């Protein structure tokens, strides 16, 4: 049996991308509490059984400041331990 990580809360952006879905699954299998986040309300990652929560955010390409503020607020209020930006579009506003 694989070792389980502590009950870390991890937010993964761009949850509709294949790479992000793989991250959500891998973390969920390790016992992390995963928040799947995306700007698309129909994101496939929102339907993953390993997504404990979902977060809908503004498109970071069109509204980078609003995207950044929403994620920072979520980190504070939901006690998120780690944010994994799955694409450059999400990474740039957070840098």
PDB file of N, CA and C in Angstrom:
ATOM      1  N   UNK A   1       0.844  -1.189   0.000  1.00  0.00           N
ATOM      2  CA  UNK A   1       0.000   0.000   0.000  1.00  0.00           C
ATOM      3  C   UNK A   1       0.883   1.244   0.000  1.00  0.00           C
ATOM      4  N   UNK A   2       0.552   2.189  -0.849  1.00  0.00           N
ATOM      5  CA  UNK A   2       1.327   3.419  -0.939  1.00  0.00           C
ATOM      6  C   UNK A   2       1.121   4.250   0.315  1.00  0.00           C
ATOM      7  N   UNK A   3       2.179   4.935   0.730  1.00  0.00           N
ATOM      8  CA  UNK A   3       2.044   5.789   1.908  1.00  0.00           C
ATOM      9  C   UNK A   3       1.129   6.962   1.574  1.00  0.00           C
ATOM     10  N   UNK A   4       0.440   7.432   2.583  1.00  0.00           N
ATOM     11  CA  UNK A   4      -0.494   8.540   2.394  1.00  0.00           C
ATOM     12  C   UNK A   4       0.143   9.815   2.908  1.00  0.00           C
ATOM     13  N   UNK A   5      -0.058  10.881   2.172  1.00  0.00           N
ATOM     14  CA  UNK A   5       0.414  12.181   2.607  1.00  0.00           C
ATOM     15  C   UNK A   5      -0.494  12.683   3.714  1.00  0.00           C
ATOM     16  N   UNK A   6       0.016  13.620   4.489  1.00  0.00           N
ATOM     17  CA  UNK A   6      -0.884  14.231   5.474  1.00  0.00           C
ATOM     18  C   UNK A   6      -2.097  14.818   4.760  1.00  0.00           C
ATOM     19  N   UNK A   7      -3.074  15.160   5.474  1.00  0.00           N
ATOM     20  CA  UNK A   7      -4.325  15.675   4.896  1.00  0.00           C
ATOM     21  C   UNK A   7      -4.120  17.064   4.303  1.00  0.00           C
ATOM     22  N   UNK A   8      -3.182  17.178   3.377  1.00  0.00           N
ATOM     23  CA  UNK A   8      -2.889  18.464   2.738  1.00  0.00           C
ATOM     24  C   UNK A   8      -4.047  18.879   1.846  1.00  0.00           C
ATOM     25  N   UNK A   9      -4.283  20.187   1.789  1.00  0.00           N
ATOM     26  CA  UNK A   9      -5.307  20.760   0.903  1.00  0.00           C
ATOM     27  C   UNK A   9      -4.570  21.401  -0.260  1.00  0.00           C
ATOM     28  N   UNK A  10      -4.793  20.867  -1.460  1.00  0.00           N
ATOM     29  CA  UNK A  10      -4.056  21.306  -2.641  1.00  0.00           C
ATOM     30  C   UNK A  10      -5.031  21.736  -3.731  1.00  0.00           C
ATOM     31  N   UNK A  11      -4.809  22.933  -4.264  1.00  0.00           N
ATOM     32  CA  UNK A  11      -5.633  23.458  -5.343  1.00  0.00           C
ATOM     33  C   UNK A  11      -4.878  23.260  -6.657  1.00  0.00           C
ATOM     34  N   UNK A  12      -5.548  22.660  -7.631  1.00  0.00           N
ATOM     35  CA  UNK A  12      -4.972  22.427  -8.960  1.00  0.00           C
ATOM     36  C   UNK A  12      -5.767  23.243  -9.962  1.00  0.00           C
ATOM     37  N   UNK A  13      -5.074  24.139 -10.680  1.00  0.00           N
ATOM     38  CA  UNK A  13      -5.757  24.976 -11.665  1.00  0.00           C
ATOM     39  C   UNK A  13      -5.913  24.231 -12.989  1.00  0.00           C
ATOM     40  N   UNK A  14      -6.681  24.803 -13.873  1.00  0.00           N
ATOM     41  CA  UNK A  14      -6.878  24.280 -15.237  1.00  0.00           C
ATOM     42  C   UNK A  14      -7.337  22.826 -15.214  1.00  0.00           C
ATOM     43  N   UNK A  15      -8.307  22.555 -14.357  1.00  0.00           N
ATOM     44  CA  UNK A  15      -8.736  21.186 -14.079  1.00  0.00           C
ATOM     45  C   UNK A  15      -9.283  20.433 -15.286  1.00  0.00           C
ATOM     46  N   UNK A  16      -9.553  21.111 -16.362  1.00  0.00           N
ATOM     47  CA  UNK A  16     -10.037  20.436 -17.560  1.00  0.00           C
ATOM     48  C   UNK A  16      -8.937  19.849 -18.422  1.00  0.00           C
ATOM     49  N   UNK A  17      -7.715  20.240 -18.180  1.00  0.00           N
ATOM     50  CA  UNK A  17      -6.576  19.737 -18.953  1.00  0.00           C
ATOM     51  C   UNK A  17      -6.197  18.341 -18.502  1.00  0.00           C
ATOM     52  N   UNK A  18      -5.754  17.527 -19.433  1.00  0.00           N
ATOM     53  CA  UNK A  18      -5.352  16.165 -19.104  1.00  0.00           C
ATOM     54  C   UNK A  18      -4.272  16.111 -18.045  1.00  0.00           C
ATOM     55  N   UNK A  19      -3.304  17.021 -18.128  1.00  0.00           N
ATOM     56  CA  UNK A  19      -2.225  17.032 -17.140  1.00  0.00           C
ATOM     57  C   UNK A  19      -2.757  17.363 -15.750  1.00  0.00           C
ATOM     58  N   UNK A  20      -3.698  18.293 -15.668  1.00  0.00           N
ATOM     59  CA  UNK A  20      -4.274  18.654 -14.373  1.00  0.00           C
ATOM     60  C   UNK A  20      -5.114  17.514 -13.810  1.00  0.00           C
ATOM     61  N   UNK A  21      -5.849  16.823 -14.665  1.00  0.00           N
ATOM     62  CA  UNK A  21      -6.647  15.686 -14.203  1.00  0.00           C
ATOM     63  C   UNK A  21      -5.735  14.608 -13.645  1.00  0.00           C
ATOM     64  N   UNK A  22      -4.600  14.380 -14.292  1.00  0.00           N
ATOM     65  CA  UNK A  22      -3.631  13.391 -13.788  1.00  0.00           C
ATOM     66  C   UNK A  22      -3.090  13.814 -12.420  1.00  0.00           C
ATOM     67  N   UNK A  23      -2.850  15.105 -12.240  1.00  0.00           N
ATOM     68  CA  UNK A  23      -2.376  15.612 -10.945  1.00  0.00           C
ATOM     69  C   UNK A  23      -3.441  15.413  -9.881  1.00  0.00           C
ATOM     70  N   UNK A  24      -4.680  15.758 -10.207  1.00  0.00           N
ATOM     71  CA  UNK A  24      -5.795  15.592  -9.258  1.00  0.00           C
ATOM     72  C   UNK A  24      -5.900  14.135  -8.825  1.00  0.00           C
ATOM     73  N   UNK A  25      -5.841  13.221  -9.769  1.00  0.00           N
ATOM     74  CA  UNK A  25      -5.943  11.789  -9.451  1.00  0.00           C
ATOM     75  C   UNK A  25      -4.781  11.328  -8.576  1.00  0.00           C
ATOM     76  N   UNK A  26      -3.573  11.697  -8.968  1.00  0.00           N
ATOM     77  CA  UNK A  26      -2.400  11.251  -8.222  1.00  0.00           C
ATOM     78  C   UNK A  26      -2.431  11.759  -6.777  1.00  0.00           C
ATOM     79  N   UNK A  27      -2.786  13.013  -6.600  1.00  0.00           N
ATOM     80  CA  UNK A  27      -2.845  13.573  -5.252  1.00  0.00           C
ATOM     81  C   UNK A  27      -3.978  12.950  -4.439  1.00  0.00           C
ATOM     82  N   UNK A  28      -5.119  12.776  -5.074  1.00  0.00           N
ATOM     83  CA  UNK A  28      -6.254  12.163  -4.388  1.00  0.00           C
ATOM     84  C   UNK A  28      -5.958  10.749  -3.932  1.00  0.00           C
ATOM     85  N   UNK A  29      -5.260   9.997  -4.754  1.00  0.00           N
ATOM     86  CA  UNK A  29      -4.892   8.631  -4.383  1.00  0.00           C
ATOM     87  C   UNK A  29      -3.932   8.604  -3.206  1.00  0.00           C
ATOM     88  N   UNK A  30      -3.187   9.681  -3.021  1.00  0.00           N
ATOM     89  CA  UNK A  30      -2.234   9.776  -1.908  1.00  0.00           C
ATOM     90  C   UNK A  30      -2.869  10.315  -0.631  1.00  0.00           C
ATOM     91  N   UNK A  31      -4.140  10.618  -0.687  1.00  0.00           N
ATOM     92  CA  UNK A  31      -4.836  11.061   0.512  1.00  0.00           C
ATOM     93  C   UNK A  31      -4.938  12.560   0.681  1.00  0.00           C
ATOM     94  N   UNK A  32      -4.524  13.319  -0.315  1.00  0.00           N
ATOM     95  CA  UNK A  32      -4.648  14.776  -0.232  1.00  0.00           C
ATOM     96  C   UNK A  32      -6.087  15.191  -0.493  1.00  0.00           C
ATOM     97  N   UNK A  33      -6.470  16.309   0.079  1.00  0.00           N
ATOM     98  CA  UNK A  33      -7.769  16.900  -0.219  1.00  0.00           C
ATOM     99  C   UNK A  33      -7.541  17.841  -1.386  1.00  0.00           C
ATOM    100  N   UNK A  34      -8.143  17.529  -2.527  1.00  0.00           N
ATOM    101  CA  UNK A  34      -7.869  18.250  -3.766  1.00  0.00           C
ATOM    102  C   UNK A  34      -9.033  19.159  -4.132  1.00  0.00           C
ATOM    103  N   UNK A  35      -8.670  20.394  -4.483  1.00  0.00           N
ATOM    104  CA  UNK A  35      -9.639  21.353  -4.984  1.00  0.00           C
ATOM    105  C   UNK A  35      -9.339  21.533  -6.472  1.00  0.00           C
ATOM    106  N   UNK A  36     -10.246  21.085  -7.314  1.00  0.00           N
ATOM    107  CA  UNK A  36     -10.104  21.235  -8.765  1.00  0.00           C
ATOM    108  C   UNK A  36     -10.638  22.606  -9.134  1.00  0.00           C
ATOM    109  N   UNK A  37      -9.812  23.394  -9.824  1.00  0.00           N
ATOM    110  CA  UNK A  37     -10.191  24.761 -10.160  1.00  0.00           C
ATOM    111  C   UNK A  37     -10.061  24.995 -11.663  1.00  0.00           C
ATOM    112  N   UNK A  38     -10.977  25.778 -12.212  1.00  0.00           N
ATOM    113  CA  UNK A  38     -10.953  26.066 -13.644  1.00  0.00           C
ATOM    114  C   UNK A  38     -11.843  27.271 -13.919  1.00  0.00           C
ATOM    115  N   UNK A  39     -11.660  27.850 -15.111  1.00  0.00           N
ATOM    116  CA  UNK A  39     -12.513  28.958 -15.532  1.00  0.00           C
ATOM    117  C   UNK A  39     -13.729  28.457 -16.312  1.00  0.00           C
ATOM    118  N   UNK A  40     -13.722  27.192 -16.675  1.00  0.00           N
ATOM    119  CA  UNK A  40     -14.820  26.584 -17.432  1.00  0.00           C
ATOM    120  C   UNK A  40     -15.729  25.819 -16.476  1.00  0.00           C
ATOM    121  N   UNK A  41     -16.989  26.209 -16.362  1.00  0.00           N
ATOM    122  CA  UNK A  41     -17.887  25.507 -15.436  1.00  0.00           C
ATOM    123  C   UNK A  41     -18.142  24.051 -15.821  1.00  0.00           C
ATOM    124  N   UNK A  42     -17.808  23.663 -17.060  1.00  0.00           N
ATOM    125  CA  UNK A  42     -17.995  22.283 -17.516  1.00  0.00           C
ATOM    126  C   UNK A  42     -16.696  21.486 -17.484  1.00  0.00           C
ATOM    127  N   UNK A  43     -15.737  21.948 -16.746  1.00  0.00           N
ATOM    128  CA  UNK A  43     -14.425  21.309 -16.672  1.00  0.00           C
ATOM    129  C   UNK A  43     -14.543  19.833 -16.291  1.00  0.00           C
ATOM    130  N   UNK A  44     -13.865  18.980 -17.037  1.00  0.00           N
ATOM    131  CA  UNK A  44     -13.890  17.544 -16.733  1.00  0.00           C
ATOM    132  C   UNK A  44     -13.317  17.240 -15.357  1.00  0.00           C
ATOM    133  N   UNK A  45     -12.344  18.025 -14.942  1.00  0.00           N
ATOM    134  CA  UNK A  45     -11.737  17.803 -13.625  1.00  0.00           C
ATOM    135  C   UNK A  45     -12.711  17.990 -12.481  1.00  0.00           C
ATOM    136  N   UNK A  46     -13.768  18.757 -12.695  1.00  0.00           N
ATOM    137  CA  UNK A  46     -14.781  18.955 -11.662  1.00  0.00           C
ATOM    138  C   UNK A  46     -15.527  17.650 -11.375  1.00  0.00           C
ATOM    139  N   UNK A  47     -15.511  16.730 -12.328  1.00  0.00           N
ATOM    140  CA  UNK A  47     -16.247  15.468 -12.170  1.00  0.00           C
ATOM    141  C   UNK A  47     -15.379  14.329 -11.630  1.00  0.00           C
ATOM    142  N   UNK A  48     -14.108  14.604 -11.414  1.00  0.00           N
ATOM    143  CA  UNK A  48     -13.229  13.556 -10.904  1.00  0.00           C
ATOM    144  C   UNK A  48     -13.647  13.139  -9.501  1.00  0.00           C
ATOM    145  N   UNK A  49     -13.614  11.857  -9.250  1.00  0.00           N
ATOM    146  CA  UNK A  49     -13.958  11.387  -7.897  1.00  0.00           C
ATOM    147  C   UNK A  49     -12.910  11.801  -6.878  1.00  0.00           C
ATOM    148  N   UNK A  50     -11.739  12.237  -7.353  1.00  0.00           N
ATOM    149  CA  UNK A  50     -10.678  12.673  -6.453  1.00  0.00           C
ATOM    150  C   UNK A  50     -10.735  14.169  -6.155  1.00  0.00           C
ATOM    151  N   UNK A  51     -11.647  14.885  -6.781  1.00  0.00           N
ATOM    152  CA  UNK A  51     -11.830  16.308  -6.489  1.00  0.00           C
ATOM    153  C   UNK A  51     -12.786  16.432  -5.306  1.00  0.00           C
ATOM    154  N   UNK A  52     -12.241  16.830  -4.177  1.00  0.00           N
ATOM    155  CA  UNK A  52     -13.067  16.991  -2.975  1.00  0.00           C
ATOM    156  C   UNK A  52     -13.917  18.248  -3.051  1.00  0.00           C
ATOM    157  N   UNK A  53     -13.397  19.250  -3.748  1.00  0.00           N
ATOM    158  CA  UNK A  53     -14.101  20.513  -3.919  1.00  0.00           C
ATOM    159  C   UNK A  53     -13.788  21.044  -5.319  1.00  0.00           C
ATOM    160  N   UNK A  54     -14.569  22.014  -5.732  1.00  0.00           N
ATOM    161  CA  UNK A  54     -14.297  22.687  -7.005  1.00  0.00           C
ATOM    162  C   UNK A  54     -14.277  24.191  -6.776  1.00  0.00           C
ATOM    163  N   UNK A  55     -13.580  24.872  -7.662  1.00  0.00           N
ATOM    164  CA  UNK A  55     -13.518  26.327  -7.603  1.00  0.00           C
ATOM    165  C   UNK A  55     -13.567  26.860  -9.025  1.00  0.00           C
ATOM    166  N   UNK A  56     -14.519  27.725  -9.279  1.00  0.00           N
ATOM    167  CA  UNK A  56     -14.651  28.363 -10.582  1.00  0.00           C
ATOM    168  C   UNK A  56     -14.022  29.748 -10.483  1.00  0.00           C
ATOM    169  N   UNK A  57     -13.070  30.031 -11.366  1.00  0.00           N
ATOM    170  CA  UNK A  57     -12.389  31.319 -11.326  1.00  0.00           C
ATOM    171  C   UNK A  57     -12.498  32.029 -12.671  1.00  0.00           C
ATOM    172  N   UNK A  58     -12.235  33.355 -12.694  1.00  0.00           N
ATOM    173  CA  UNK A  58     -12.251  34.105 -13.956  1.00  0.00           C
ATOM    174  C   UNK A  58     -11.106  33.621 -14.852  1.00  0.00           C
ATOM    175  N   UNK A  59     -11.297  33.719 -16.147  1.00  0.00           N
ATOM    176  CA  UNK A  59     -10.262  33.310 -17.098  1.00  0.00           C
ATOM    177  C   UNK A  59      -9.002  34.144 -16.860  1.00  0.00           C
ATOM    178  N   UNK A  60      -7.881  33.509 -16.524  1.00  0.00           N
ATOM    179  CA  UNK A  60      -6.671  34.275 -16.223  1.00  0.00           C
ATOM    180  C   UNK A  60      -6.097  35.023 -17.420  1.00  0.00           C
ATOM    181  N   UNK A  61      -6.445  34.600 -18.635  1.00  0.00           N
ATOM    182  CA  UNK A  61      -5.967  35.312 -19.826  1.00  0.00           C
ATOM    183  C   UNK A  61      -6.703  36.625 -20.013  1.00  0.00           C
ATOM    184  N   UNK A  62      -7.981  36.647 -19.657  1.00  0.00           N
ATOM    185  CA  UNK A  62      -8.801  37.844 -19.839  1.00  0.00           C
ATOM    186  C   UNK A  62      -8.846  38.734 -18.597  1.00  0.00           C
ATOM    187  N   UNK A  63      -8.759  38.122 -17.418  1.00  0.00           N
ATOM    188  CA  UNK A  63      -8.896  38.862 -16.157  1.00  0.00           C
ATOM    189  C   UNK A  63      -7.834  38.403 -15.158  1.00  0.00           C
ATOM    190  N   UNK A  64      -6.548  38.659 -15.445  1.00  0.00           N
ATOM    191  CA  UNK A  64      -5.491  38.139 -14.573  1.00  0.00           C
ATOM    192  C   UNK A  64      -5.561  38.653 -13.133  1.00  0.00           C
ATOM    193  N   UNK A  65      -5.912  39.905 -12.941  1.00  0.00           N
ATOM    194  CA  UNK A  65      -5.986  40.447 -11.579  1.00  0.00           C
ATOM    195  C   UNK A  65      -7.117  39.794 -10.788  1.00  0.00           C
ATOM    196  N   UNK A  66      -8.272  39.644 -11.405  1.00  0.00           N
ATOM    197  CA  UNK A  66      -9.414  39.007 -10.725  1.00  0.00           C
ATOM    198  C   UNK A  66      -9.109  37.537 -10.424  1.00  0.00           C
ATOM    199  N   UNK A  67      -8.440  36.873 -11.350  1.00  0.00           N
ATOM    200  CA  UNK A  67      -8.029  35.476 -11.141  1.00  0.00           C
ATOM    201  C   UNK A  67      -7.112  35.383  -9.924  1.00  0.00           C
ATOM    202  N   UNK A  68      -6.096  36.230  -9.889  1.00  0.00           N
ATOM    203  CA  UNK A  68      -5.124  36.215  -8.793  1.00  0.00           C
ATOM    204  C   UNK A  68      -5.811  36.489  -7.457  1.00  0.00           C
ATOM    205  N   UNK A  69      -6.669  37.498  -7.419  1.00  0.00           N
ATOM    206  CA  UNK A  69      -7.345  37.849  -6.170  1.00  0.00           C
ATOM    207  C   UNK A  69      -8.250  36.726  -5.676  1.00  0.00           C
ATOM    208  N   UNK A  70      -8.971  36.086  -6.585  1.00  0.00           N
ATOM    209  CA  UNK A  70      -9.854  34.996  -6.174  1.00  0.00           C
ATOM    210  C   UNK A  70      -9.044  33.825  -5.601  1.00  0.00           C
ATOM    211  N   UNK A  71      -7.936  33.480  -6.247  1.00  0.00           N
ATOM    212  CA  UNK A  71      -7.117  32.386  -5.739  1.00  0.00           C
ATOM    213  C   UNK A  71      -6.486  32.733  -4.388  1.00  0.00           C
ATOM    214  N   UNK A  72      -6.005  33.960  -4.247  1.00  0.00           N
ATOM    215  CA  UNK A  72      -5.429  34.364  -2.961  1.00  0.00           C
ATOM    216  C   UNK A  72      -6.473  34.326  -1.850  1.00  0.00           C
ATOM    217  N   UNK A  73      -7.678  34.762  -2.162  1.00  0.00           N
ATOM    218  CA  UNK A  73      -8.771  34.710  -1.175  1.00  0.00           C
ATOM    219  C   UNK A  73      -9.086  33.261  -0.808  1.00  0.00           C
ATOM    220  N   UNK A  74      -9.111  32.388  -1.806  1.00  0.00           N
ATOM    221  CA  UNK A  74      -9.384  30.963  -1.544  1.00  0.00           C
ATOM    222  C   UNK A  74      -8.291  30.347  -0.680  1.00  0.00           C
ATOM    223  N   UNK A  75      -7.037  30.716  -0.939  1.00  0.00           N
ATOM    224  CA  UNK A  75      -5.927  30.195  -0.136  1.00  0.00           C
ATOM    225  C   UNK A  75      -6.102  30.580   1.327  1.00  0.00           C
ATOM    226  N   UNK A  76      -6.474  31.819   1.550  1.00  0.00           N
ATOM    227  CA  UNK A  76      -6.651  32.306   2.928  1.00  0.00           C
ATOM    228  C   UNK A  76      -7.862  31.672   3.606  1.00  0.00           C
ATOM    229  N   UNK A  77      -9.004  31.698   2.939  1.00  0.00           N
ATOM    230  CA  UNK A  77     -10.240  31.267   3.593  1.00  0.00           C
ATOM    231  C   UNK A  77     -10.381  29.752   3.673  1.00  0.00           C
ATOM    232  N   UNK A  78      -9.810  29.029   2.718  1.00  0.00           N
ATOM    233  CA  UNK A  78      -9.948  27.574   2.708  1.00  0.00           C
ATOM    234  C   UNK A  78      -8.718  26.855   3.244  1.00  0.00           C
ATOM    235  N   UNK A  79      -7.755  27.635   3.715  1.00  0.00           N
ATOM    236  CA  UNK A  79      -6.525  27.059   4.275  1.00  0.00           C
ATOM    237  C   UNK A  79      -5.845  26.089   3.313  1.00  0.00           C
ATOM    238  N   UNK A  80      -5.620  26.548   2.114  1.00  0.00           N
ATOM    239  CA  UNK A  80      -4.971  25.740   1.080  1.00  0.00           C
ATOM    240  C   UNK A  80      -3.475  25.734   1.347  1.00  0.00           C
ATOM    241  N   UNK A  81      -2.890  24.539   1.328  1.00  0.00           N
ATOM    242  CA  UNK A  81      -1.468  24.383   1.607  1.00  0.00           C
ATOM    243  C   UNK A  81      -0.591  24.609   0.378  1.00  0.00           C
ATOM    244  N   UNK A  82      -1.121  24.305  -0.810  1.00  0.00           N
ATOM    245  CA  UNK A  82      -0.319  24.380  -2.021  1.00  0.00           C
ATOM    246  C   UNK A  82      -1.221  24.657  -3.207  1.00  0.00           C
ATOM    247  N   UNK A  83      -0.759  25.534  -4.115  1.00  0.00           N
ATOM    248  CA  UNK A  83      -1.451  25.789  -5.378  1.00  0.00           C
ATOM    249  C   UNK A  83      -0.554  25.263  -6.489  1.00  0.00           C
ATOM    250  N   UNK A  84      -1.117  24.412  -7.348  1.00  0.00           N
ATOM    251  CA  UNK A  84      -0.379  23.894  -8.490  1.00  0.00           C
ATOM    252  C   UNK A  84      -0.995  24.480  -9.753  1.00  0.00           C
ATOM    253  N   UNK A  85      -0.332  25.481 -10.350  1.00  0.00           N
ATOM    254  CA  UNK A  85      -0.828  26.011 -11.622  1.00  0.00           C
ATOM    255  C   UNK A  85      -0.431  25.053 -12.743  1.00  0.00           C
ATOM    256  N   UNK A  86      -1.397  24.523 -13.446  1.00  0.00           N
ATOM    257  CA  UNK A  86      -1.135  23.488 -14.448  1.00  0.00           C
ATOM    258  C   UNK A  86      -0.751  24.048 -15.816  1.00  0.00           C
ATOM    259  N   UNK A  87      -0.932  25.343 -16.037  1.00  0.00           N
ATOM    260  CA  UNK A  87      -0.553  25.940 -17.322  1.00  0.00           C
ATOM    261  C   UNK A  87       0.153  27.270 -17.080  1.00  0.00           C
ATOM    262  N   UNK A  88       0.822  27.743 -18.112  1.00  0.00           N
ATOM    263  CA  UNK A  88       1.464  29.063 -18.039  1.00  0.00           C
ATOM    264  C   UNK A  88       0.433  30.166 -17.861  1.00  0.00           C
ATOM    265  N   UNK A  89      -0.767  29.975 -18.408  1.00  0.00           N
ATOM    266  CA  UNK A  89      -1.815  30.998 -18.277  1.00  0.00           C
ATOM    267  C   UNK A  89      -2.167  31.233 -16.814  1.00  0.00           C
ATOM    268  N   UNK A  90      -2.140  30.192 -16.014  1.00  0.00           N
ATOM    269  CA  UNK A  90      -2.427  30.333 -14.583  1.00  0.00           C
ATOM    270  C   UNK A  90      -1.174  30.743 -13.818  1.00  0.00           C
ATOM    271  N   UNK A  91      -0.031  30.312 -14.271  1.00  0.00           N
ATOM    272  CA  UNK A  91       1.209  30.593 -13.558  1.00  0.00           C
ATOM    273  C   UNK A  91       1.598  32.068 -13.643  1.00  0.00           C
ATOM    274  N   UNK A  92       1.446  32.681 -14.783  1.00  0.00           N
ATOM    275  CA  UNK A  92       1.890  34.060 -14.984  1.00  0.00           C
ATOM    276  C   UNK A  92       1.252  35.068 -14.018  1.00  0.00           C
ATOM    277  N   UNK A  93      -0.075  35.072 -13.844  1.00  0.00           N
ATOM    278  CA  UNK A  93      -0.657  36.034 -12.902  1.00  0.00           C
ATOM    279  C   UNK A  93      -0.250  35.763 -11.452  1.00  0.00           C
ATOM    280  N   UNK A  94       0.068  34.518 -11.145  1.00  0.00           N
ATOM    281  CA  UNK A  94       0.446  34.173  -9.772  1.00  0.00           C
ATOM    282  C   UNK A  94       1.902  34.501  -9.477  1.00  0.00           C
ATOM    283  N   UNK A  95       2.710  34.620 -10.538  1.00  0.00           N
ATOM    284  CA  UNK A  95       4.132  34.929 -10.334  1.00  0.00           C
ATOM    285  C   UNK A  95       4.272  36.329  -9.788  1.00  0.00           C
TER     286      UNK A  95
END
